Amino acid sequence: MKKRRGDSLIEILIAFLIIIIAISISVLASSQVNQLKKQAVVKTILS
């Protein structure tokens, strides 16, 4: 059974897409954590 090269290219593209989605989710989560950290510092200063 022959394996076509197009199949492996599609698999590589899907893997890159999944990696990009995971990186973007982690970047968004870390930016939200930094925002919450800043809010906590401001609340402690104002208290």
Protein backbone atom coordinates (compact mmCIF):
# COMPACT_ATOMS: atom_id res chain seq x y z
CA MET A 1 0.00 0.00 0.00
CA LYS A 2 1.49 3.35 -1.05
CA LYS A 3 1.28 6.37 1.20
CA ARG A 4 0.78 9.63 -0.63
CA ARG A 5 2.91 12.62 0.33
CA GLY A 6 -0.15 14.86 0.61
CA ASP A 7 -1.42 12.92 3.59
CA SER A 8 1.74 13.53 5.59
CA LEU A 9 1.69 17.23 4.68
CA ILE A 10 -1.86 17.57 5.96
CA GLU A 11 -0.93 15.78 9.18
CA ILE A 12 2.00 18.16 9.71
CA LEU A 13 -0.23 21.19 9.11
CA ILE A 14 -2.81 19.90 11.59
CA ALA A 15 -0.08 19.33 14.18
CA PHE A 16 1.20 22.90 13.71
CA LEU A 17 -2.35 24.21 14.02
CA ILE A 18 -2.87 22.37 17.30
CA ILE A 19 0.46 23.68 18.65
CA ILE A 20 -0.42 27.26 17.66
CA ILE A 21 -3.81 27.00 19.36
CA ALA A 22 -2.21 25.65 22.54
CA ILE A 23 0.37 28.45 22.58
CA SER A 24 -2.28 31.12 22.06
CA ILE A 25 -4.40 29.73 24.90
CA SER A 26 -1.42 29.73 27.26
CA VAL A 27 -0.48 33.30 26.30
CA LEU A 28 -4.04 34.49 26.92
CA ALA A 29 -4.15 32.71 30.27
CA SER A 30 -0.85 34.22 31.38
CA SER A 31 -1.96 37.71 30.41
CA GLN A 32 -5.15 37.26 32.46
CA VAL A 33 -3.06 36.11 35.43
CA ASN A 34 -0.86 39.20 35.11
CA GLN A 35 -3.94 41.42 34.98
CA LEU A 36 -5.36 39.80 38.13
CA LYS A 37 -1.99 40.24 39.84
CA LYS A 38 -1.99 43.96 39.03
CA GLN A 39 -5.53 44.34 40.36
CA ALA A 40 -4.55 42.61 43.61
CA VAL A 41 -1.57 44.94 44.05
CA VAL A 42 -3.76 48.00 43.47
CA LYS A 43 -6.36 46.76 45.95
CA THR A 44 -3.70 46.17 48.61
CA ILE A 45 -2.24 49.63 48.06
CA LEU A 46 -5.67 51.26 48.33
CA SER A 47 -6.64 49.33 51.48
